[in-house]
Amino acid sequence: MNLYAARVRVNRVTTPGPSVTQARRRAPARQGTLREHNLALVLRHVLDAPAAPPSRAEVATATGLTRGAVSALVDLLIGARLVAELPPTATARAGRPAVPLVPARGTVVALGAEVNVDYVGVRALDLAGDVLAHTVEDGDFRHSDPAAVLARLARLVGRVRAAVPSDARTAGLCLALPGLVDRVTGPLRLAPNLGWRDVDVAALLTAHPEVDGLTVRLANEADLAARAEVRAGVAGDSFLYVSGEVGIGAALVLDGEVFAGRHGWGGELGHTVVDPRGPRCTCGASGCLEQYAGKDALLRAAGRDVEDPVDALLAAAAAGDEGAARALVSGGEALGLALANVVNLVDVERVVLGGIYAPLAPWLAEAVTAQLRTRVLSAPWARAQVGVAAGGAHAAMTGAALVVLRAVADDPSAWLPPAP
C-alpha cells in the first residue's frame, strides 16, 4: 500500500508548530535521530512494496543499509506491531529461506471520516489497507448546525472504534470536508453547501468523549479522494481528479503530489463560472458550475426531487427517460467546458471522474470529452483522456485514513514499546 503517493497538505489542528518530520529535517543527525530516520525508511519500504513482500536482505539492498542494521530495525518494528513476518520462502540462492515482511494487520488503526452535504461517515483502515469497520449515515446537511452534525459524526466515530479489534491502537482521525480548509490557521473557512463559515471543526469534534484524545486532522474531500485514487494505481501519477457530489471539487495531482495552493484552497471547480448570467449559487455568485453539473442540479434538470438517489437518475436515463438523458448530457457539457479551462491552464493529460460522476460516466464522459477536444488548445497533439475513478465508494474517507497512516510511517519510533 503506497502511503506516500499524493501527499495531501492537511491541517493537524490539535498540535501547533512544525510537524515531527519537519523538525527532524532541521535537527542535527544525532545517533537517536539517525535510528528514527532509518526506522521510518525501513517501514516505508515494507508498506510501499509494490509487488511481493520484501525480505530483510531486499530491504537492505533497496535502502543501502547493512543487513545487520536492517535486521535490528525490523525486529524493533515487529516488536512495535507495525510489521509482521510471513512463513519463510525458498530462494534460488544458497542459504536460509527468505522471510517476507508485510504490514501488520489489525494492530494500528487510522480513522478516516467525512462530512458531506447528504451523508456523514467513518472508516477504519489498518496498516495493510484493510477496512476494519465502516459506517455511513445519510441525511440532509444543507445549511446545517455544525455542532449538531459533528455530534452525530462523533457517535459514528465511537461506533467504529468499538468495532475494531480491542487491542488495536488508534493512530488518529482525519476529517474530509467539502470546502475551504485553512491549513495555515486551522478552521474550516467556508463550506457553502453546508452553510458553514469559520467553524473550528476540531474543537467541536474533540469536545465529544468518542473523539477526545485523538489527534484530528482536516483536509478537503477532493484532495483526500485523489489520494485514494493514486493508491489505486490506475490513473498514473499525474491527473486531474473531479469529485462530483452536490458540490464539485477537484484535485490536481502532479508526479504523485496533490497541488492544493498556498492556503490549501485549490480545486474549487464547482465555483468556476459557466455563465455569469446563470442561476445564483450557494456561494453567493451566479452561474457556477455546480448549478449545472452538481448532483442537485442534475436531478432538478431531470425533473426529479433533489432527495432522489443518483441511482434513480441513472436508471431513468437507461430506461429511455429523455429528460434524464438530456440532463446528464447537458451537465456533461458544462463539466467539460469547465475542465477544458483547467486543462488549458495546467497542461494535464488525464481527467478522472469520481464521486457521483463515476457511475454516471457512461452518460457524462462523451460530452466531457467532446468539450475537451474542441476547447483545449493542445488537443491535436495530446488529447486529454477521461477515465473513471478506481478509488472506490467514499474515497475521501479512505484518503483521510491514509493520511493518518502516513503519519505513523513518518514517525514509527513513537510506536515502539518502552525500553525495559
Protein backbone atom coordinates (compact mmCIF):
# COMPACT_ATOMS: atom_id res chain seq x y z
CA MET A 1 0.00 0.00 0.00
CA ASN A 2 1.53 3.26 -1.08
CA LEU A 3 1.19 5.61 1.87
CA TYR A 4 3.33 8.28 0.24
CA ALA A 5 1.66 8.79 -3.11
CA ALA A 6 -0.30 12.02 -3.45
CA ARG A 7 0.93 13.85 -0.40
CA VAL A 8 -2.08 15.90 0.68
CA ARG A 9 -1.40 19.05 2.67
CA VAL A 10 -3.57 18.52 5.75
CA ASN A 11 -4.13 20.61 8.79
CA ARG A 12 -3.19 18.89 12.04
CA VAL A 13 -5.19 21.14 14.25
CA THR A 14 -4.53 19.65 17.67
CA THR A 15 -0.75 20.05 17.61
CA PRO A 16 0.62 23.56 16.90
CA GLY A 17 4.02 24.24 15.41
CA PRO A 18 6.11 22.22 12.95
CA SER A 19 5.48 18.53 12.40
CA VAL A 20 7.80 15.88 13.78
CA THR A 21 9.11 15.26 10.27
CA GLN A 22 9.81 18.95 9.63
CA ALA A 23 11.59 19.36 12.97
CA ARG A 24 13.68 16.26 12.30
CA ARG A 25 14.79 17.60 8.92
CA ARG A 26 16.11 20.73 10.59
CA ALA A 27 17.78 18.90 13.51
CA PRO A 28 21.36 17.59 13.53
CA ALA A 29 21.63 13.87 12.73
CA ARG A 30 22.31 12.58 16.24
CA GLN A 31 22.51 8.84 16.76
CA GLY A 32 18.96 8.65 18.08
CA THR A 33 17.70 10.81 15.22
CA LEU A 34 19.51 8.60 12.71
CA ARG A 35 17.85 5.49 14.14
CA GLU A 36 14.45 7.16 13.89
CA HIS A 37 15.16 8.12 10.30
CA ASN A 38 16.22 4.58 9.41
CA LEU A 39 13.22 3.07 11.18
CA ALA A 40 10.95 5.20 9.01
CA LEU A 41 12.98 4.30 5.91
CA VAL A 42 12.59 0.57 6.54
CA LEU A 43 8.91 0.79 7.47
CA ARG A 44 8.09 2.82 4.38
CA HIS A 45 9.81 0.26 2.20
CA VAL A 46 7.68 -2.53 3.69
CA LEU A 47 4.47 -0.51 3.48
CA ASP A 48 5.07 0.66 -0.08
CA ALA A 49 6.31 -2.61 -1.55
CA PRO A 50 4.64 -2.66 -4.99
CA ALA A 51 4.75 -6.40 -5.59
CA ALA A 52 5.99 -9.33 -3.50
CA PRO A 53 6.68 -8.62 0.19
CA PRO A 54 10.40 -7.86 0.64
CA SER A 55 12.80 -9.81 2.83
CA ARG A 56 15.35 -8.25 5.17
CA ALA A 57 18.03 -8.71 2.53
CA GLU A 58 15.91 -6.98 -0.12
CA VAL A 59 15.17 -4.09 2.23
CA ALA A 60 18.91 -3.74 2.86
CA THR A 61 19.65 -3.66 -0.86
CA ALA A 62 16.92 -1.11 -1.55
CA THR A 63 17.77 1.23 1.32
CA GLY A 64 21.56 0.96 1.29
CA LEU A 65 21.64 -0.07 4.96
CA THR A 66 23.63 -3.06 6.14
CA ARG A 67 21.82 -6.35 6.64
CA GLY A 68 22.63 -6.27 10.32
CA ALA A 69 21.18 -2.79 10.72
CA VAL A 70 18.04 -3.73 8.80
CA SER A 71 17.57 -6.88 10.85
CA ALA A 72 17.78 -4.91 14.08
CA LEU A 73 15.38 -2.27 12.81
CA VAL A 74 12.91 -4.88 11.57
CA ASP A 75 12.96 -6.56 14.97
CA LEU A 76 12.01 -3.23 16.54
CA LEU A 77 9.18 -2.75 14.06
CA ILE A 78 7.91 -6.28 14.71
CA GLY A 79 8.04 -5.61 18.45
CA ALA A 80 6.01 -2.45 17.88
CA ARG A 81 3.44 -4.49 15.90
CA LEU A 82 3.95 -2.38 12.80
CA VAL A 83 5.50 -5.14 10.69
CA ALA A 84 4.82 -8.88 10.60
CA GLU A 85 6.64 -11.87 9.13
CA LEU A 86 5.19 -14.40 6.73
CA PRO A 87 6.35 -18.03 6.60
CA PRO A 88 9.82 -18.42 5.03
CA THR A 89 10.02 -18.95 1.29
CA ALA A 90 12.70 -20.78 -0.66
CA THR A 91 15.07 -18.73 -2.81
CA ALA A 92 17.24 -19.61 -5.79
CA ARG A 93 20.34 -18.72 -3.81
CA ALA A 94 22.06 -20.86 -1.24
CA GLY A 95 21.40 -20.12 2.41
CA ARG A 96 18.43 -19.74 4.67
CA PRO A 97 14.96 -19.21 3.16
CA ALA A 98 13.83 -15.59 2.89
CA VAL A 99 11.27 -14.33 5.39
CA PRO A 100 8.81 -11.93 3.70
CA LEU A 101 7.90 -8.78 5.62
CA VAL A 102 4.39 -7.31 5.46
CA PRO A 103 2.45 -4.53 7.20
CA ALA A 104 0.93 -5.78 10.43
CA ARG A 105 -2.82 -6.35 10.23
CA GLY A 106 -5.28 -5.06 12.79
CA THR A 107 -2.70 -3.59 15.16
CA VAL A 108 -2.77 0.12 14.30
CA VAL A 109 -5.99 1.76 13.16
CA ALA A 110 -6.45 5.03 11.28
CA LEU A 111 -9.86 6.69 11.16
CA GLY A 112 -10.98 8.49 8.01
CA ALA A 113 -14.18 10.50 8.36
CA GLU A 114 -16.25 12.70 6.10
CA VAL A 115 -18.99 15.27 6.40
CA ASN A 116 -20.71 15.94 3.11
CA VAL A 117 -23.98 17.55 2.16
CA ASP A 118 -26.04 14.36 2.24
CA TYR A 119 -24.07 11.94 4.42
CA VAL A 120 -21.59 11.56 7.24
CA GLY A 121 -19.35 8.55 7.66
CA VAL A 122 -16.31 6.98 9.27
CA ARG A 123 -13.95 4.27 8.01
CA ALA A 124 -11.17 2.46 9.89
CA LEU A 125 -8.09 1.21 8.00
CA ASP A 126 -5.09 -0.70 9.27
CA LEU A 127 -1.51 -0.57 8.02
CA ALA A 128 -2.23 -3.28 5.47
CA GLY A 129 -5.00 -1.15 3.97
CA ASP A 130 -7.79 -3.42 5.20
CA VAL A 131 -11.11 -1.80 6.09
CA LEU A 132 -11.77 -2.96 9.65
CA ALA A 133 -15.02 -1.06 10.15
CA HIS A 134 -17.15 1.36 8.16
CA THR A 135 -20.40 3.20 8.68
CA VAL A 136 -22.29 5.87 6.75
CA GLU A 137 -25.49 7.69 7.65
CA ASP A 138 -27.49 9.60 5.08
CA GLY A 139 -29.03 12.95 5.89
CA ASP A 140 -29.69 16.43 4.60
CA PHE A 141 -26.99 18.73 5.96
CA ARG A 142 -27.67 21.76 3.77
CA HIS A 143 -27.40 24.88 5.93
CA SER A 144 -26.96 22.71 9.00
CA ASP A 145 -25.81 23.37 12.55
CA PRO A 146 -22.12 22.38 12.74
CA ALA A 147 -22.36 21.35 16.39
CA ALA A 148 -25.28 19.01 15.71
CA VAL A 149 -23.68 17.43 12.65
CA LEU A 150 -20.33 16.92 14.37
CA ALA A 151 -22.07 15.40 17.40
CA ARG A 152 -23.64 12.90 15.01
CA LEU A 153 -20.26 12.21 13.45
CA ALA A 154 -18.70 11.70 16.89
CA ARG A 155 -21.26 8.98 17.62
CA LEU A 156 -20.22 7.23 14.40
CA VAL A 157 -16.57 7.51 15.45
CA GLY A 158 -17.45 5.78 18.71
CA ARG A 159 -19.33 3.06 16.85
CA VAL A 160 -16.40 2.38 14.51
CA ARG A 161 -13.85 2.39 17.33
CA ALA A 162 -15.95 -0.19 19.19
CA ALA A 163 -15.97 -2.42 16.10
CA VAL A 164 -12.19 -2.67 15.60
CA PRO A 165 -10.03 -5.22 17.48
CA SER A 166 -9.84 -4.37 21.17
CA ASP A 167 -6.03 -4.48 21.20
CA ALA A 168 -5.64 -2.19 18.17
CA ARG A 169 -4.14 1.25 18.75
CA THR A 170 -5.92 4.21 17.17
CA ALA A 171 -3.44 6.50 15.44
CA GLY A 172 -5.77 9.44 14.92
CA LEU A 173 -8.56 10.79 12.75
CA CYS A 174 -8.59 12.81 9.55
CA LEU A 175 -11.82 14.50 8.52
CA ALA A 176 -12.73 15.26 4.90
CA LEU A 177 -14.80 18.42 4.41
CA PRO A 178 -16.45 19.88 1.28
CA GLY A 179 -14.96 23.34 1.34
CA LEU A 180 -12.04 25.60 2.17
CA VAL A 181 -9.94 24.13 4.97
CA ASP A 182 -7.29 26.57 6.12
CA ARG A 183 -4.12 24.56 6.58
CA VAL A 184 -2.31 27.63 7.92
CA THR A 185 -4.56 28.81 10.76
CA GLY A 186 -6.85 25.89 11.44
CA PRO A 187 -10.59 26.29 10.90
CA LEU A 188 -12.91 25.35 8.09
CA ARG A 189 -13.22 28.69 6.34
CA LEU A 190 -16.21 28.00 4.13
CA ALA A 191 -18.39 25.10 3.05
CA PRO A 192 -21.15 26.82 1.02
CA ASN A 193 -23.49 23.87 0.66
CA LEU A 194 -23.27 23.05 4.36
CA GLY A 195 -23.76 26.72 5.20
CA TRP A 196 -20.67 26.64 7.45
CA ARG A 197 -18.31 29.58 7.73
CA ASP A 198 -15.26 29.99 10.02
CA VAL A 199 -16.04 26.90 12.06
CA ASP A 200 -13.49 25.41 14.47
CA VAL A 201 -14.41 21.88 13.48
CA ALA A 202 -11.73 20.18 15.55
CA ALA A 203 -12.76 21.91 18.77
CA LEU A 204 -16.39 20.93 18.27
CA LEU A 205 -15.48 17.36 17.40
CA THR A 206 -12.97 16.71 20.17
CA ALA A 207 -15.44 18.00 22.77
CA HIS A 208 -17.16 14.61 22.48
CA PRO A 209 -15.82 11.68 24.52
CA GLU A 210 -15.75 9.42 21.44
CA VAL A 211 -13.07 11.67 19.90
CA ASP A 212 -11.37 13.13 22.96
CA GLY A 213 -7.65 12.34 22.99
CA LEU A 214 -7.36 11.68 19.26
CA THR A 215 -5.17 13.77 17.01
CA VAL A 216 -7.56 15.35 14.49
CA ARG A 217 -6.56 16.48 11.02
CA LEU A 218 -8.71 18.30 8.47
CA ALA A 219 -8.49 18.38 4.68
CA ASN A 220 -10.60 19.00 1.61
CA GLU A 221 -12.58 15.96 0.48
CA ALA A 222 -11.50 16.09 -3.16
CA ASP A 223 -7.83 16.26 -2.19
CA LEU A 224 -8.26 13.19 0.01
CA ALA A 225 -10.23 11.28 -2.61
CA ALA A 226 -7.42 11.98 -5.08
CA ARG A 227 -5.01 10.39 -2.61
CA ALA A 228 -7.11 7.23 -2.60
CA GLU A 229 -7.08 7.33 -6.40
CA VAL A 230 -3.27 7.42 -6.51
CA ARG A 231 -3.20 4.47 -4.14
CA ALA A 232 -5.48 2.54 -6.53
CA GLY A 233 -2.72 2.93 -9.12
CA VAL A 234 -4.89 3.10 -12.25
CA ALA A 235 -4.71 6.78 -13.22
CA GLY A 236 -0.93 7.15 -13.03
CA ASP A 237 0.88 9.82 -11.05
CA SER A 238 -0.39 12.98 -12.82
CA PHE A 239 -4.08 13.67 -13.37
CA LEU A 240 -6.99 15.94 -12.54
CA TYR A 241 -9.41 14.27 -10.14
CA VAL A 242 -13.02 15.52 -10.18
CA SER A 243 -15.27 14.75 -7.24
CA GLY A 244 -18.94 15.14 -8.08
CA GLU A 245 -21.47 15.47 -5.25
CA VAL A 246 -23.94 18.27 -4.51
CA GLY A 247 -20.85 20.44 -4.90
CA ILE A 248 -17.98 19.76 -7.27
CA GLY A 249 -14.41 19.55 -6.04
CA ALA A 250 -11.22 18.83 -7.92
CA ALA A 251 -7.64 17.95 -7.09
CA LEU A 252 -4.63 18.37 -9.32
CA VAL A 253 -2.12 15.54 -8.85
CA LEU A 254 1.34 16.15 -10.32
CA ASP A 255 4.02 13.49 -10.01
CA GLY A 256 2.13 11.85 -7.16
CA GLU A 257 1.60 15.02 -5.13
CA VAL A 258 -1.63 16.94 -4.67
CA PHE A 259 -1.21 20.61 -5.51
CA ALA A 260 -3.58 22.40 -3.15
CA GLY A 261 -2.41 26.00 -3.42
CA ARG A 262 -0.95 28.45 -0.90
CA HIS A 263 -3.65 28.02 1.74
CA GLY A 264 -4.89 24.57 0.73
CA TRP A 265 -7.87 26.09 -1.04
CA GLY A 266 -7.21 24.91 -4.58
CA GLY A 267 -9.60 22.73 -6.53
CA GLU A 268 -12.93 24.55 -6.10
CA LEU A 269 -14.02 23.59 -9.59
CA GLY A 270 -17.71 23.85 -8.73
CA HIS A 271 -17.37 27.61 -8.27
CA THR A 272 -15.77 28.32 -11.61
CA VAL A 273 -18.10 30.28 -13.88
CA VAL A 274 -20.04 28.66 -16.69
CA ASP A 275 -22.36 31.61 -17.34
CA PRO A 276 -22.17 34.83 -15.28
CA ARG A 277 -25.87 35.41 -16.03
CA GLY A 278 -26.80 31.96 -14.78
CA PRO A 279 -28.62 30.90 -11.61
CA ARG A 280 -27.48 32.08 -8.21
CA CYS A 281 -25.16 29.69 -6.38
CA THR A 282 -24.95 28.88 -2.66
CA CYS A 283 -21.61 30.72 -2.61
CA GLY A 284 -23.39 33.98 -3.49
CA ALA A 285 -22.14 34.25 -7.08
CA SER A 286 -24.07 33.43 -10.24
CA GLY A 287 -23.60 30.80 -12.93
CA CYS A 288 -21.21 28.48 -11.04
CA LEU A 289 -20.58 25.04 -12.48
CA GLU A 290 -22.33 23.21 -9.65
CA GLN A 291 -25.59 24.92 -10.67
CA TYR A 292 -25.32 23.00 -13.95
CA ALA A 293 -23.49 19.77 -13.11
CA GLY A 294 -23.77 19.24 -9.35
CA LYS A 295 -25.97 16.45 -8.01
CA ASP A 296 -28.92 18.69 -7.15
CA ALA A 297 -28.66 20.49 -10.49
CA LEU A 298 -28.70 17.23 -12.45
CA LEU A 299 -31.74 15.94 -10.55
CA ARG A 300 -33.64 19.20 -10.95
CA ALA A 301 -32.88 19.33 -14.68
CA ALA A 302 -34.26 15.79 -15.00
CA GLY A 303 -37.47 16.82 -13.22
CA ARG A 304 -36.67 14.80 -10.10
CA ASP A 305 -36.54 15.63 -6.41
CA VAL A 306 -33.09 16.55 -5.08
CA GLU A 307 -33.59 13.92 -2.36
CA ASP A 308 -33.63 11.16 -5.01
CA PRO A 309 -30.54 8.95 -5.22
CA VAL A 310 -28.25 9.20 -8.21
CA ASP A 311 -29.04 5.56 -8.99
CA ALA A 312 -32.64 6.59 -9.74
CA LEU A 313 -31.43 9.19 -12.23
CA LEU A 314 -29.14 6.65 -13.86
CA ALA A 315 -31.92 4.06 -14.05
CA ALA A 316 -34.31 6.58 -15.59
CA ALA A 317 -31.81 7.52 -18.29
CA ALA A 318 -31.10 3.86 -19.04
CA ALA A 319 -34.84 3.19 -19.31
CA GLY A 320 -35.22 5.83 -22.04
CA ASP A 321 -36.33 8.82 -19.98
CA GLU A 322 -35.45 11.66 -22.36
CA GLY A 323 -35.47 14.27 -19.61
CA ALA A 324 -32.97 12.33 -17.54
CA ALA A 325 -30.72 11.67 -20.53
CA ARG A 326 -30.88 15.30 -21.60
CA ALA A 327 -30.00 16.49 -18.09
CA LEU A 328 -26.93 14.24 -17.97
CA VAL A 329 -25.68 15.26 -21.40
CA SER A 330 -26.18 18.94 -20.59
CA GLY A 331 -24.41 18.51 -17.27
CA GLY A 332 -21.56 16.73 -19.01
CA GLU A 333 -21.19 19.61 -21.47
CA ALA A 334 -21.00 22.16 -18.63
CA LEU A 335 -18.49 20.00 -16.78
CA GLY A 336 -16.39 19.58 -19.92
CA LEU A 337 -16.41 23.34 -20.51
CA ALA A 338 -15.03 23.99 -17.03
CA LEU A 339 -12.50 21.17 -17.29
CA ALA A 340 -11.24 22.48 -20.63
CA ASN A 341 -10.33 25.74 -18.93
CA VAL A 342 -8.39 23.84 -16.26
CA VAL A 343 -6.57 21.63 -18.79
CA ASN A 344 -5.58 24.68 -20.85
CA LEU A 345 -4.15 26.25 -17.71
CA VAL A 346 -2.28 23.34 -16.09
CA ASP A 347 -1.46 21.01 -19.01
CA VAL A 348 -2.61 17.66 -17.65
CA GLU A 349 -3.48 14.74 -19.92
CA ARG A 350 -5.84 12.69 -17.79
CA VAL A 351 -9.15 13.58 -16.12
CA VAL A 352 -10.60 11.15 -13.59
CA LEU A 353 -14.33 11.27 -12.79
CA GLY A 354 -15.06 10.39 -9.16
CA GLY A 355 -17.90 10.67 -6.65
CA ILE A 356 -21.31 10.52 -8.34
CA TYR A 357 -19.60 11.06 -11.69
CA ALA A 358 -18.11 7.55 -11.59
CA PRO A 359 -21.45 5.69 -12.00
CA LEU A 360 -22.74 8.46 -14.29
CA ALA A 361 -19.64 8.34 -16.51
CA PRO A 362 -21.34 6.38 -19.34
CA TRP A 363 -23.63 9.39 -19.81
CA LEU A 364 -21.17 12.18 -18.98
CA ALA A 365 -17.85 11.10 -20.49
CA GLU A 366 -18.72 11.59 -24.15
CA ALA A 367 -19.94 15.15 -23.58
CA VAL A 368 -16.92 15.96 -21.40
CA THR A 369 -14.53 14.51 -23.97
CA ALA A 370 -16.15 16.48 -26.80
CA GLN A 371 -15.63 19.75 -24.93
CA LEU A 372 -12.01 18.90 -24.16
CA ARG A 373 -11.29 18.11 -27.80
CA THR A 374 -12.96 21.31 -29.00
CA ARG A 375 -11.68 23.77 -26.41
CA VAL A 376 -8.23 22.54 -25.32
CA LEU A 377 -5.60 24.21 -27.49
CA SER A 378 -3.17 21.29 -27.30
CA ALA A 379 -5.81 18.66 -28.16
CA PRO A 380 -4.48 17.93 -31.69
CA TRP A 381 -1.17 16.79 -30.17
CA ALA A 382 -2.10 15.48 -26.71
CA ARG A 383 -5.75 14.71 -26.20
CA ALA A 384 -6.86 14.62 -22.57
CA GLN A 385 -8.17 11.19 -21.62
CA VAL A 386 -11.31 10.87 -19.47
CA GLY A 387 -11.37 7.93 -17.06
CA VAL A 388 -13.44 6.64 -14.16
CA ALA A 389 -12.16 6.69 -10.59
CA ALA A 390 -10.94 3.40 -9.16
CA GLY A 391 -10.62 4.54 -5.54
CA GLY A 392 -13.96 3.03 -4.58
CA ALA A 393 -17.03 4.39 -2.83
CA HIS A 394 -16.46 7.16 -0.28
CA ALA A 395 -12.88 7.51 -1.47
CA ALA A 396 -12.34 10.62 0.66
CA MET A 397 -12.66 8.51 3.81
CA THR A 398 -10.01 6.13 2.51
CA GLY A 399 -7.72 9.03 1.62
CA ALA A 400 -8.26 10.55 5.05
CA ALA A 401 -7.28 7.32 6.79
CA LEU A 402 -4.20 7.06 4.56
CA VAL A 403 -3.08 10.49 5.77
CA VAL A 404 -3.15 9.22 9.35
CA LEU A 405 -1.26 6.06 8.41
CA ARG A 406 1.37 8.15 6.67
CA ALA A 407 1.95 10.00 9.93
CA VAL A 408 2.61 6.64 11.61
CA ALA A 409 5.09 5.73 8.88
CA ASP A 410 6.81 9.10 9.26
CA ASP A 411 7.46 8.51 12.96
CA PRO A 412 7.44 4.79 13.82
CA SER A 413 9.69 5.36 16.82
CA ALA A 414 6.69 6.83 18.64
CA TRP A 415 5.08 3.39 18.47
CA LEU A 416 7.98 1.41 19.93
CA PRO A 417 7.33 -0.23 23.31
CA PRO A 418 9.11 1.47 26.24
CA ALA A 419 12.65 0.28 26.86
CA PRO A 420 12.90 -2.19 29.76
